[in-house]
């Protein structure tokens, strides 16, 4: 009986890759790979780089041909990095970040020039904008550009120096510093309380229209009226009716106009409380887990304009903590 001797299977050998500064692949192809790998999508990469998905695909294909290996596994459902793609992605990502950082250092020693700040519309309207005149007085050499947007800014694709975010903290790969803690409590216009007895306890709110904040801040620690009243022991107050708004600033404006009682975030209501446009009918509040954070890429902290804004924010936050807004019921 004869036996067969298996021949070893020969796999094609990839040619050695010889790379030098004078023989680098095109930077556009490398950039297309890094952005596509971050999104795991050619179409999202094309949107960020303002080219067509076909151009992204072609650039990456040319890169793979030059490197003599596949960087992505392509399927009808999704992209996946190959072993070679996983091996080179961290270094390429860091290299492009270093390029951006090096170019931004041109402005690092300049205190002039616009400071671009991204912030949620309600925080911009009710907290930041009323205080900006003070920043201009302290730093007249710095022009400020405020972008009031609902979405979370993408520092890799948007021209933004820093952002003020409301959240739980722990922002990956970013410098994040807590600026303001937040609480919630009822507020209303002093005009609303002129006709009849003011509410002295949470249970008294059944006699007033409730203003509801339906803003999409995704804060699990922030109660709605039903949760807040139950925690305060006012189980009999009807909470299904009232006015609802999709931004916190609109809730406060409705309260200022005397349309009802709002369950307000304290930092957003601080300026209106200080000026007397709003009052606290009684001293019951709930502390929230979320807070306001100054967030920016770590490399941005070396910019003089960002450092100046950071110091100013802390000074303003300290000023707010010293405010004593006495509830009406406690003062009587």
C-alpha atoms as a PDB file:
ATOM      1  CA  UNK A   1       0.000   0.000   0.000  1.00  0.00           C
ATOM      2  CA  UNK A   2       1.495   3.258  -1.045  1.00  0.00           C
ATOM      3  CA  UNK A   3       1.261   6.362   1.005  1.00  0.00           C
ATOM      4  CA  UNK A   4       1.227   9.914  -0.221  1.00  0.00           C
ATOM      5  CA  UNK A   5       3.567  12.483   1.161  1.00  0.00           C
ATOM      6  CA  UNK A   6       1.831  15.841   1.503  1.00  0.00           C
ATOM      7  CA  UNK A   7       3.686  18.734  -0.005  1.00  0.00           C
ATOM      8  CA  UNK A   8       3.912  21.881   2.109  1.00  0.00           C
ATOM      9  CA  UNK A   9       1.559  24.623   1.006  1.00  0.00           C
ATOM     10  CA  UNK A  10       3.456  27.697  -0.012  1.00  0.00           C
ATOM     11  CA  UNK A  11       1.834  31.010   0.829  1.00  0.00           C
ATOM     12  CA  UNK A  12       2.834  34.056  -1.165  1.00  0.00           C
ATOM     13  CA  UNK A  13       5.399  36.120   0.650  1.00  0.00           C
ATOM     14  CA  UNK A  14       4.810  39.847   0.925  1.00  0.00           C
ATOM     15  CA  UNK A  15       7.756  41.826  -0.271  1.00  0.00           C
ATOM     16  CA  UNK A  16       9.703  43.629   2.446  1.00  0.00           C
ATOM     17  CA  UNK A  17       8.371  47.130   3.037  1.00  0.00           C
ATOM     18  CA  UNK A  18      11.034  49.763   2.734  1.00  0.00           C
ATOM     19  CA  UNK A  19       9.788  53.088   4.046  1.00  0.00           C
ATOM     20  CA  UNK A  20      11.745  56.277   4.502  1.00  0.00           C
ATOM     21  CA  UNK A  21      10.873  59.952   4.740  1.00  0.00           C
ATOM     22  CA  UNK A  22      11.527  60.288   1.014  1.00  0.00           C
ATOM     23  CA  UNK A  23       9.346  57.268   0.174  1.00  0.00           C
ATOM     24  CA  UNK A  24       6.260  57.801   2.340  1.00  0.00           C
ATOM     25  CA  UNK A  25       2.839  56.946   0.933  1.00  0.00           C
ATOM     26  CA  UNK A  26       0.756  60.015   0.032  1.00  0.00           C
ATOM     27  CA  UNK A  27      -0.465  61.841   3.131  1.00  0.00           C
ATOM     28  CA  UNK A  28      -3.987  62.036   1.675  1.00  0.00           C
ATOM     29  CA  UNK A  29      -4.131  58.232   1.548  1.00  0.00           C
ATOM     30  CA  UNK A  30      -2.803  57.907   5.087  1.00  0.00           C
ATOM     31  CA  UNK A  31      -5.291  60.507   6.335  1.00  0.00           C
ATOM     32  CA  UNK A  32      -8.161  58.743   4.545  1.00  0.00           C
ATOM     33  CA  UNK A  33      -7.208  55.481   6.260  1.00  0.00           C
ATOM     34  CA  UNK A  34      -7.020  57.065   9.736  1.00  0.00           C
ATOM     35  CA  UNK A  35     -10.383  58.834   9.419  1.00  0.00           C
ATOM     36  CA  UNK A  36     -12.111  55.794   7.867  1.00  0.00           C
ATOM     37  CA  UNK A  37     -10.736  53.586  10.654  1.00  0.00           C
ATOM     38  CA  UNK A  38     -11.990  56.007  13.301  1.00  0.00           C
ATOM     39  CA  UNK A  39     -15.510  55.972  11.851  1.00  0.00           C
ATOM     40  CA  UNK A  40     -15.341  52.421  10.451  1.00  0.00           C
ATOM     41  CA  UNK A  41     -17.139  53.913   7.479  1.00  0.00           C
ATOM     42  CA  UNK A  42     -16.012  55.244   4.112  1.00  0.00           C
ATOM     43  CA  UNK A  43     -19.112  57.440   3.823  1.00  0.00           C
ATOM     44  CA  UNK A  44     -18.577  59.113   7.225  1.00  0.00           C
ATOM     45  CA  UNK A  45     -14.896  59.616   6.391  1.00  0.00           C
ATOM     46  CA  UNK A  46     -15.881  61.243   3.102  1.00  0.00           C
ATOM     47  CA  UNK A  47     -18.207  63.654   4.944  1.00  0.00           C
ATOM     48  CA  UNK A  48     -15.459  64.679   7.351  1.00  0.00           C
ATOM     49  CA  UNK A  49     -12.857  65.129   4.611  1.00  0.00           C
ATOM     50  CA  UNK A  50     -15.300  66.698   2.127  1.00  0.00           C
ATOM     51  CA  UNK A  51     -14.692  64.193  -0.675  1.00  0.00           C
ATOM     52  CA  UNK A  52     -16.778  61.391  -2.164  1.00  0.00           C
ATOM     53  CA  UNK A  53     -16.874  57.872  -0.685  1.00  0.00           C
ATOM     54  CA  UNK A  54     -15.407  56.638  -3.972  1.00  0.00           C
ATOM     55  CA  UNK A  55     -12.403  58.935  -3.479  1.00  0.00           C
ATOM     56  CA  UNK A  56     -11.862  57.554   0.038  1.00  0.00           C
ATOM     57  CA  UNK A  57     -12.089  53.992  -1.266  1.00  0.00           C
ATOM     58  CA  UNK A  58      -9.627  54.738  -4.071  1.00  0.00           C
ATOM     59  CA  UNK A  59      -7.114  56.422  -1.755  1.00  0.00           C
ATOM     60  CA  UNK A  60      -7.173  53.491   0.658  1.00  0.00           C
ATOM     61  CA  UNK A  61      -6.916  50.961  -2.192  1.00  0.00           C
ATOM     62  CA  UNK A  62      -3.850  52.794  -3.514  1.00  0.00           C
ATOM     63  CA  UNK A  63      -2.355  52.764  -0.029  1.00  0.00           C
ATOM     64  CA  UNK A  64      -2.957  49.018   0.278  1.00  0.00           C
ATOM     65  CA  UNK A  65      -1.293  48.434  -3.092  1.00  0.00           C
ATOM     66  CA  UNK A  66       1.744  50.467  -2.068  1.00  0.00           C
ATOM     67  CA  UNK A  67       1.991  48.661   1.285  1.00  0.00           C
ATOM     68  CA  UNK A  68       1.242  45.299  -0.381  1.00  0.00           C
ATOM     69  CA  UNK A  69      -1.367  44.334   2.227  1.00  0.00           C
ATOM     70  CA  UNK A  70      -5.031  44.827   3.038  1.00  0.00           C
ATOM     71  CA  UNK A  71      -5.875  47.295   5.796  1.00  0.00           C
ATOM     72  CA  UNK A  72      -9.639  46.645   5.890  1.00  0.00           C
ATOM     73  CA  UNK A  73     -11.836  43.604   5.555  1.00  0.00           C
ATOM     74  CA  UNK A  74     -14.759  44.771   3.459  1.00  0.00           C
ATOM     75  CA  UNK A  75     -18.243  43.264   3.580  1.00  0.00           C
ATOM     76  CA  UNK A  76     -21.721  44.413   2.698  1.00  0.00           C
ATOM     77  CA  UNK A  77     -22.460  45.042   6.382  1.00  0.00           C
ATOM     78  CA  UNK A  78     -19.415  46.758   7.829  1.00  0.00           C
ATOM     79  CA  UNK A  79     -15.701  47.395   7.739  1.00  0.00           C
ATOM     80  CA  UNK A  80     -13.179  45.679   9.981  1.00  0.00           C
ATOM     81  CA  UNK A  81      -9.476  46.297  10.390  1.00  0.00           C
ATOM     82  CA  UNK A  82      -7.079  43.582   9.375  1.00  0.00           C
ATOM     83  CA  UNK A  83      -4.134  42.667  11.568  1.00  0.00           C
ATOM     84  CA  UNK A  84      -1.960  45.001   9.508  1.00  0.00           C
ATOM     85  CA  UNK A  85      -4.499  47.809   9.828  1.00  0.00           C
ATOM     86  CA  UNK A  86      -4.661  47.381  13.607  1.00  0.00           C
ATOM     87  CA  UNK A  87      -0.871  47.403  13.798  1.00  0.00           C
ATOM     88  CA  UNK A  88      -0.347  50.723  12.039  1.00  0.00           C
ATOM     89  CA  UNK A  89      -3.450  52.685  13.109  1.00  0.00           C
ATOM     90  CA  UNK A  90      -2.269  53.874  16.581  1.00  0.00           C
ATOM     91  CA  UNK A  91       1.005  55.220  15.250  1.00  0.00           C
ATOM     92  CA  UNK A  92      -0.604  56.963  12.281  1.00  0.00           C
ATOM     93  CA  UNK A  93      -3.325  58.467  14.483  1.00  0.00           C
ATOM     94  CA  UNK A  94      -0.722  59.824  16.878  1.00  0.00           C
ATOM     95  CA  UNK A  95       1.353  61.149  13.971  1.00  0.00           C
ATOM     96  CA  UNK A  96      -1.531  63.199  12.573  1.00  0.00           C
ATOM     97  CA  UNK A  97      -2.352  64.500  16.068  1.00  0.00           C
ATOM     98  CA  UNK A  98       1.274  65.591  16.400  1.00  0.00           C
ATOM     99  CA  UNK A  99       1.075  67.378  13.047  1.00  0.00           C
ATOM    100  CA  UNK A 100      -2.044  69.265  14.176  1.00  0.00           C
ATOM    101  CA  UNK A 101      -0.452  70.065  17.532  1.00  0.00           C
ATOM    102  CA  UNK A 102       2.732  71.351  15.882  1.00  0.00           C
ATOM    103  CA  UNK A 103       0.800  73.648  13.569  1.00  0.00           C
ATOM    104  CA  UNK A 104      -1.381  74.941  16.394  1.00  0.00           C
ATOM    105  CA  UNK A 105       1.713  75.926  18.347  1.00  0.00           C
ATOM    106  CA  UNK A 106       2.090  78.774  15.876  1.00  0.00           C
ATOM    107  CA  UNK A 107      -0.794  80.426  17.741  1.00  0.00           C
ATOM    108  CA  UNK A 108       0.152  79.168  21.196  1.00  0.00           C
ATOM    109  CA  UNK A 109       2.135  82.291  22.082  1.00  0.00           C
ATOM    110  CA  UNK A 110      -0.518  84.706  20.812  1.00  0.00           C
ATOM    111  CA  UNK A 111      -3.134  86.014  23.224  1.00  0.00           C
ATOM    112  CA  UNK A 112      -5.057  87.671  20.422  1.00  0.00           C
ATOM    113  CA  UNK A 113      -7.280  85.911  17.939  1.00  0.00           C
ATOM    114  CA  UNK A 114     -10.737  84.409  18.275  1.00  0.00           C
ATOM    115  CA  UNK A 115     -11.566  81.937  21.015  1.00  0.00           C
ATOM    116  CA  UNK A 116     -14.207  79.518  19.727  1.00  0.00           C
ATOM    117  CA  UNK A 117     -16.433  77.991  22.408  1.00  0.00           C
ATOM    118  CA  UNK A 118     -19.130  75.372  21.854  1.00  0.00           C
ATOM    119  CA  UNK A 119     -21.957  75.335  24.386  1.00  0.00           C
ATOM    120  CA  UNK A 120     -25.573  74.202  24.685  1.00  0.00           C
ATOM    121  CA  UNK A 121     -28.102  76.943  23.761  1.00  0.00           C
ATOM    122  CA  UNK A 122     -29.741  77.162  27.207  1.00  0.00           C
ATOM    123  CA  UNK A 123     -26.442  77.439  29.068  1.00  0.00           C
ATOM    124  CA  UNK A 124     -25.240  80.008  26.550  1.00  0.00           C
ATOM    125  CA  UNK A 125     -28.378  82.142  26.875  1.00  0.00           C
ATOM    126  CA  UNK A 126     -28.930  81.956  30.634  1.00  0.00           C
ATOM    127  CA  UNK A 127     -25.402  81.669  32.072  1.00  0.00           C
ATOM    128  CA  UNK A 128     -22.569  82.399  29.664  1.00  0.00           C
ATOM    129  CA  UNK A 129     -23.773  85.296  27.513  1.00  0.00           C
ATOM    130  CA  UNK A 130     -24.872  87.538  30.433  1.00  0.00           C
ATOM    131  CA  UNK A 131     -21.324  87.264  31.816  1.00  0.00           C
ATOM    132  CA  UNK A 132     -19.334  87.696  28.598  1.00  0.00           C
ATOM    133  CA  UNK A 133     -19.094  91.464  28.950  1.00  0.00           C
ATOM    134  CA  UNK A 134     -16.999  90.860  32.061  1.00  0.00           C
ATOM    135  CA  UNK A 135     -14.666  88.579  30.095  1.00  0.00           C
ATOM    136  CA  UNK A 136     -14.266  91.294  27.452  1.00  0.00           C
ATOM    137  CA  UNK A 137     -13.384  93.789  30.163  1.00  0.00           C
ATOM    138  CA  UNK A 138     -10.753  91.473  31.632  1.00  0.00           C
ATOM    139  CA  UNK A 139      -9.403  90.273  28.267  1.00  0.00           C
ATOM    140  CA  UNK A 140     -10.150  92.885  25.587  1.00  0.00           C
ATOM    141  CA  UNK A 141      -7.443  91.321  23.402  1.00  0.00           C
ATOM    142  CA  UNK A 142      -9.438  88.079  22.963  1.00  0.00           C
ATOM    143  CA  UNK A 143     -12.390  87.930  20.595  1.00  0.00           C
ATOM    144  CA  UNK A 144     -14.930  85.252  21.492  1.00  0.00           C
ATOM    145  CA  UNK A 145     -17.016  83.208  19.074  1.00  0.00           C
ATOM    146  CA  UNK A 146     -19.863  81.277  20.722  1.00  0.00           C
ATOM    147  CA  UNK A 147     -21.359  78.275  18.945  1.00  0.00           C
ATOM    148  CA  UNK A 148     -24.671  77.432  20.635  1.00  0.00           C
ATOM    149  CA  UNK A 149     -25.425  73.898  19.437  1.00  0.00           C
ATOM    150  CA  UNK A 150     -27.294  70.885  20.766  1.00  0.00           C
ATOM    151  CA  UNK A 151     -24.855  68.266  19.461  1.00  0.00           C
ATOM    152  CA  UNK A 152     -21.581  67.320  21.155  1.00  0.00           C
ATOM    153  CA  UNK A 153     -18.728  68.965  19.291  1.00  0.00           C
ATOM    154  CA  UNK A 154     -16.223  66.733  17.487  1.00  0.00           C
ATOM    155  CA  UNK A 155     -12.834  68.339  18.113  1.00  0.00           C
ATOM    156  CA  UNK A 156     -11.229  66.244  15.367  1.00  0.00           C
ATOM    157  CA  UNK A 157     -13.386  67.729  12.609  1.00  0.00           C
ATOM    158  CA  UNK A 158     -14.713  71.064  13.952  1.00  0.00           C
ATOM    159  CA  UNK A 159     -12.754  74.273  14.432  1.00  0.00           C
ATOM    160  CA  UNK A 160     -13.477  74.671  18.144  1.00  0.00           C
ATOM    161  CA  UNK A 161     -11.031  75.564  20.921  1.00  0.00           C
ATOM    162  CA  UNK A 162     -13.077  74.364  23.887  1.00  0.00           C
ATOM    163  CA  UNK A 163     -16.577  73.403  24.944  1.00  0.00           C
ATOM    164  CA  UNK A 164     -18.742  73.552  28.044  1.00  0.00           C
ATOM    165  CA  UNK A 165     -20.487  70.215  28.411  1.00  0.00           C
ATOM    166  CA  UNK A 166     -23.184  69.139  30.837  1.00  0.00           C
ATOM    167  CA  UNK A 167     -22.576  65.552  31.829  1.00  0.00           C
ATOM    168  CA  UNK A 168     -20.987  63.034  34.166  1.00  0.00           C
ATOM    169  CA  UNK A 169     -17.379  63.788  33.229  1.00  0.00           C
ATOM    170  CA  UNK A 170     -14.841  61.193  32.150  1.00  0.00           C
ATOM    171  CA  UNK A 171     -14.429  62.370  28.557  1.00  0.00           C
ATOM    172  CA  UNK A 172     -11.958  60.031  26.858  1.00  0.00           C
ATOM    173  CA  UNK A 173      -8.762  61.524  25.414  1.00  0.00           C
ATOM    174  CA  UNK A 174      -9.810  65.064  26.375  1.00  0.00           C
ATOM    175  CA  UNK A 175      -8.898  67.518  29.090  1.00  0.00           C
ATOM    176  CA  UNK A 176     -12.011  67.901  31.276  1.00  0.00           C
ATOM    177  CA  UNK A 177     -12.402  70.086  34.363  1.00  0.00           C
ATOM    178  CA  UNK A 178     -15.557  70.518  36.426  1.00  0.00           C
ATOM    179  CA  UNK A 179     -16.676  74.120  36.564  1.00  0.00           C
ATOM    180  CA  UNK A 180     -20.149  74.126  38.132  1.00  0.00           C
ATOM    181  CA  UNK A 181     -22.220  71.664  40.164  1.00  0.00           C
ATOM    182  CA  UNK A 182     -25.956  71.640  39.490  1.00  0.00           C
ATOM    183  CA  UNK A 183     -29.130  71.449  41.598  1.00  0.00           C
ATOM    184  CA  UNK A 184     -32.838  71.716  40.785  1.00  0.00           C
ATOM    185  CA  UNK A 185     -35.546  73.600  42.678  1.00  0.00           C
ATOM    186  CA  UNK A 186     -38.830  75.440  41.962  1.00  0.00           C
ATOM    187  CA  UNK A 187     -38.740  79.058  40.752  1.00  0.00           C
ATOM    188  CA  UNK A 188     -41.378  81.513  39.608  1.00  0.00           C
ATOM    189  CA  UNK A 189     -41.945  85.177  38.882  1.00  0.00           C
ATOM    190  CA  UNK A 190     -42.571  87.386  41.940  1.00  0.00           C
ATOM    191  CA  UNK A 191     -45.594  88.720  40.025  1.00  0.00           C
ATOM    192  CA  UNK A 192     -47.176  85.265  40.139  1.00  0.00           C
ATOM    193  CA  UNK A 193     -47.256  85.410  43.922  1.00  0.00           C
ATOM    194  CA  UNK A 194     -48.946  88.801  44.272  1.00  0.00           C
ATOM    195  CA  UNK A 195     -52.465  87.441  43.866  1.00  0.00           C
ATOM    196  CA  UNK A 196     -53.063  85.060  46.747  1.00  0.00           C
ATOM    197  CA  UNK A 197     -50.830  83.269  49.208  1.00  0.00           C
ATOM    198  CA  UNK A 198     -47.438  82.111  47.948  1.00  0.00           C
ATOM    199  CA  UNK A 199     -46.651  78.394  48.125  1.00  0.00           C
ATOM    200  CA  UNK A 200     -44.812  77.637  51.346  1.00  0.00           C
ATOM    201  CA  UNK A 201     -44.459  73.872  50.858  1.00  0.00           C
ATOM    202  CA  UNK A 202     -44.178  71.586  47.809  1.00  0.00           C
ATOM    203  CA  UNK A 203     -47.760  70.375  48.357  1.00  0.00           C
ATOM    204  CA  UNK A 204     -48.995  73.932  47.722  1.00  0.00           C
ATOM    205  CA  UNK A 205     -47.862  73.732  44.079  1.00  0.00           C
ATOM    206  CA  UNK A 206     -51.158  72.021  43.215  1.00  0.00           C
ATOM    207  CA  UNK A 207     -52.669  75.526  43.023  1.00  0.00           C
ATOM    208  CA  UNK A 208     -50.243  76.626  40.282  1.00  0.00           C
ATOM    209  CA  UNK A 209     -49.481  75.759  36.657  1.00  0.00           C
ATOM    210  CA  UNK A 210     -46.362  73.620  36.378  1.00  0.00           C
ATOM    211  CA  UNK A 211     -43.806  74.352  33.645  1.00  0.00           C
ATOM    212  CA  UNK A 212     -42.060  71.219  32.375  1.00  0.00           C
ATOM    213  CA  UNK A 213     -38.476  70.996  31.077  1.00  0.00           C
ATOM    214  CA  UNK A 214     -38.304  68.380  28.281  1.00  0.00           C
ATOM    215  CA  UNK A 215     -34.817  69.307  27.069  1.00  0.00           C
ATOM    216  CA  UNK A 216     -32.850  66.305  25.728  1.00  0.00           C
ATOM    217  CA  UNK A 217     -29.833  66.527  28.042  1.00  0.00           C
ATOM    218  CA  UNK A 218     -30.041  62.800  28.920  1.00  0.00           C
ATOM    219  CA  UNK A 219     -29.358  63.395  32.613  1.00  0.00           C
ATOM    220  CA  UNK A 220     -30.648  60.378  34.573  1.00  0.00           C
ATOM    221  CA  UNK A 221     -30.107  62.193  37.858  1.00  0.00           C
ATOM    222  CA  UNK A 222     -32.345  65.144  36.915  1.00  0.00           C
ATOM    223  CA  UNK A 223     -35.936  64.634  38.129  1.00  0.00           C
ATOM    224  CA  UNK A 224     -39.071  65.740  36.359  1.00  0.00           C
ATOM    225  CA  UNK A 225     -41.904  67.324  38.343  1.00  0.00           C
ATOM    226  CA  UNK A 226     -43.408  63.952  39.258  1.00  0.00           C
ATOM    227  CA  UNK A 227     -40.130  62.586  40.634  1.00  0.00           C
ATOM    228  CA  UNK A 228     -39.253  65.822  42.449  1.00  0.00           C
ATOM    229  CA  UNK A 229     -42.642  66.153  44.122  1.00  0.00           C
ATOM    230  CA  UNK A 230     -42.664  62.514  45.235  1.00  0.00           C
ATOM    231  CA  UNK A 231     -39.211  62.984  46.767  1.00  0.00           C
ATOM    232  CA  UNK A 232     -40.533  66.103  48.528  1.00  0.00           C
ATOM    233  CA  UNK A 233     -43.499  64.165  49.910  1.00  0.00           C
ATOM    234  CA  UNK A 234     -46.114  65.991  47.790  1.00  0.00           C
ATOM    235  CA  UNK A 235     -47.850  62.945  46.321  1.00  0.00           C
ATOM    236  CA  UNK A 236     -51.228  64.609  45.683  1.00  0.00           C
ATOM    237  CA  UNK A 237     -50.049  67.272  43.207  1.00  0.00           C
ATOM    238  CA  UNK A 238     -51.268  66.631  39.639  1.00  0.00           C
ATOM    239  CA  UNK A 239     -48.259  66.693  37.272  1.00  0.00           C
ATOM    240  CA  UNK A 240     -49.745  65.554  33.947  1.00  0.00           C
ATOM    241  CA  UNK A 241     -50.881  69.027  32.939  1.00  0.00           C
ATOM    242  CA  UNK A 242     -48.999  72.255  32.302  1.00  0.00           C
ATOM    243  CA  UNK A 243     -46.697  73.677  29.640  1.00  0.00           C
ATOM    244  CA  UNK A 244     -43.746  71.761  28.181  1.00  0.00           C
ATOM    245  CA  UNK A 245     -40.622  73.134  26.483  1.00  0.00           C
ATOM    246  CA  UNK A 246     -37.685  71.447  24.753  1.00  0.00           C
ATOM    247  CA  UNK A 247     -35.078  73.883  26.082  1.00  0.00           C
ATOM    248  CA  UNK A 248     -34.365  74.858  29.673  1.00  0.00           C
ATOM    249  CA  UNK A 249     -34.034  78.538  28.776  1.00  0.00           C
ATOM    250  CA  UNK A 250     -37.603  78.566  27.444  1.00  0.00           C
ATOM    251  CA  UNK A 251     -38.888  77.089  30.704  1.00  0.00           C
ATOM    252  CA  UNK A 252     -37.245  79.924  32.621  1.00  0.00           C
ATOM    253  CA  UNK A 253     -38.552  82.575  30.231  1.00  0.00           C
ATOM    254  CA  UNK A 254     -42.074  81.221  30.704  1.00  0.00           C
ATOM    255  CA  UNK A 255     -41.607  81.394  34.479  1.00  0.00           C
ATOM    256  CA  UNK A 256     -40.316  84.987  34.227  1.00  0.00           C
ATOM    257  CA  UNK A 257     -43.438  85.837  32.225  1.00  0.00           C
ATOM    258  CA  UNK A 258     -45.589  84.588  35.114  1.00  0.00           C
ATOM    259  CA  UNK A 259     -47.007  81.574  33.271  1.00  0.00           C
ATOM    260  CA  UNK A 260     -46.339  79.114  36.091  1.00  0.00           C
ATOM    261  CA  UNK A 261     -43.764  77.508  38.378  1.00  0.00           C
ATOM    262  CA  UNK A 262     -40.665  75.941  36.812  1.00  0.00           C
ATOM    263  CA  UNK A 263     -38.443  73.182  38.132  1.00  0.00           C
ATOM    264  CA  UNK A 264     -35.184  74.930  37.298  1.00  0.00           C
ATOM    265  CA  UNK A 265     -31.530  74.035  37.122  1.00  0.00           C
ATOM    266  CA  UNK A 266     -29.933  76.373  39.624  1.00  0.00           C
ATOM    267  CA  UNK A 267     -26.992  77.515  37.501  1.00  0.00           C
ATOM    268  CA  UNK A 268     -29.262  78.427  34.606  1.00  0.00           C
ATOM    269  CA  UNK A 269     -31.579  80.373  36.909  1.00  0.00           C
ATOM    270  CA  UNK A 270     -28.812  82.086  38.926  1.00  0.00           C
ATOM    271  CA  UNK A 271     -28.726  85.378  36.993  1.00  0.00           C
ATOM    272  CA  UNK A 272     -32.510  85.718  36.963  1.00  0.00           C
ATOM    273  CA  UNK A 273     -32.612  85.006  40.709  1.00  0.00           C
ATOM    274  CA  UNK A 274     -29.889  87.566  41.341  1.00  0.00           C
ATOM    275  CA  UNK A 275     -31.756  90.290  39.455  1.00  0.00           C
ATOM    276  CA  UNK A 276     -35.134  89.392  40.974  1.00  0.00           C
ATOM    277  CA  UNK A 277     -36.805  88.283  37.742  1.00  0.00           C
ATOM    278  CA  UNK A 278     -37.266  84.914  39.447  1.00  0.00           C
ATOM    279  CA  UNK A 279     -37.709  83.914  43.089  1.00  0.00           C
ATOM    280  CA  UNK A 280     -37.560  80.662  45.029  1.00  0.00           C
ATOM    281  CA  UNK A 281     -40.849  80.155  46.875  1.00  0.00           C
ATOM    282  CA  UNK A 282     -39.313  77.704  49.395  1.00  0.00           C
ATOM    283  CA  UNK A 283     -35.934  76.213  50.206  1.00  0.00           C
ATOM    284  CA  UNK A 284     -36.198  72.635  48.876  1.00  0.00           C
ATOM    285  CA  UNK A 285     -33.683  71.469  46.292  1.00  0.00           C
ATOM    286  CA  UNK A 286     -32.076  68.339  44.893  1.00  0.00           C
ATOM    287  CA  UNK A 287     -28.418  67.981  43.950  1.00  0.00           C
ATOM    288  CA  UNK A 288     -27.692  66.377  40.566  1.00  0.00           C
ATOM    289  CA  UNK A 289     -24.928  63.978  39.578  1.00  0.00           C
ATOM    290  CA  UNK A 290     -24.279  65.813  36.309  1.00  0.00           C
ATOM    291  CA  UNK A 291     -22.214  69.008  36.265  1.00  0.00           C
ATOM    292  CA  UNK A 292     -20.813  71.532  33.782  1.00  0.00           C
ATOM    293  CA  UNK A 293     -17.314  70.754  32.504  1.00  0.00           C
ATOM    294  CA  UNK A 294     -14.803  72.717  30.489  1.00  0.00           C
ATOM    295  CA  UNK A 295     -13.628  70.258  27.823  1.00  0.00           C
ATOM    296  CA  UNK A 296     -10.927  70.618  25.174  1.00  0.00           C
ATOM    297  CA  UNK A 297      -8.154  68.632  23.479  1.00  0.00           C
ATOM    298  CA  UNK A 298      -5.170  68.398  25.810  1.00  0.00           C
ATOM    299  CA  UNK A 299      -2.980  70.267  23.343  1.00  0.00           C
ATOM    300  CA  UNK A 300      -5.354  73.254  23.526  1.00  0.00           C
ATOM    301  CA  UNK A 301      -4.624  73.851  27.212  1.00  0.00           C
ATOM    302  CA  UNK A 302      -1.315  75.473  26.215  1.00  0.00           C
ATOM    303  CA  UNK A 303      -3.115  78.207  24.271  1.00  0.00           C
ATOM    304  CA  UNK A 304      -3.092  81.488  26.188  1.00  0.00           C
ATOM    305  CA  UNK A 305      -6.677  82.282  25.197  1.00  0.00           C
ATOM    306  CA  UNK A 306      -7.952  78.920  26.506  1.00  0.00           C
ATOM    307  CA  UNK A 307      -6.007  79.328  29.758  1.00  0.00           C
ATOM    308  CA  UNK A 308      -7.484  82.827  30.214  1.00  0.00           C
ATOM    309  CA  UNK A 309     -11.027  81.557  29.603  1.00  0.00           C
ATOM    310  CA  UNK A 310     -10.464  78.685  32.011  1.00  0.00           C
ATOM    311  CA  UNK A 311      -9.342  81.054  34.819  1.00  0.00           C
ATOM    312  CA  UNK A 312     -12.293  83.343  34.141  1.00  0.00           C
ATOM    313  CA  UNK A 313     -14.797  80.466  34.299  1.00  0.00           C
ATOM    314  CA  UNK A 314     -13.481  79.428  37.710  1.00  0.00           C
ATOM    315  CA  UNK A 315     -13.738  83.013  38.949  1.00  0.00           C
ATOM    316  CA  UNK A 316     -17.334  83.281  37.745  1.00  0.00           C
ATOM    317  CA  UNK A 317     -18.205  79.923  39.301  1.00  0.00           C
ATOM    318  CA  UNK A 318     -16.767  81.055  42.626  1.00  0.00           C
ATOM    319  CA  UNK A 319     -18.811  84.249  42.411  1.00  0.00           C
ATOM    320  CA  UNK A 320     -22.004  82.255  41.889  1.00  0.00           C
ATOM    321  CA  UNK A 321     -21.284  80.057  44.901  1.00  0.00           C
ATOM    322  CA  UNK A 322     -21.228  83.184  47.084  1.00  0.00           C
ATOM    323  CA  UNK A 323     -24.736  84.237  46.022  1.00  0.00           C
ATOM    324  CA  UNK A 324     -27.370  83.869  48.747  1.00  0.00           C
ATOM    325  CA  UNK A 325     -30.799  83.610  47.139  1.00  0.00           C
ATOM    326  CA  UNK A 326     -33.188  83.553  50.091  1.00  0.00           C
ATOM    327  CA  UNK A 327     -36.545  81.863  49.403  1.00  0.00           C
ATOM    328  CA  UNK A 328     -39.582  84.098  49.875  1.00  0.00           C
ATOM    329  CA  UNK A 329     -41.203  81.796  52.412  1.00  0.00           C
ATOM    330  CA  UNK A 330     -38.050  81.726  54.538  1.00  0.00           C
ATOM    331  CA  UNK A 331     -37.777  85.515  54.485  1.00  0.00           C
ATOM    332  CA  UNK A 332     -41.322  86.142  55.679  1.00  0.00           C
END
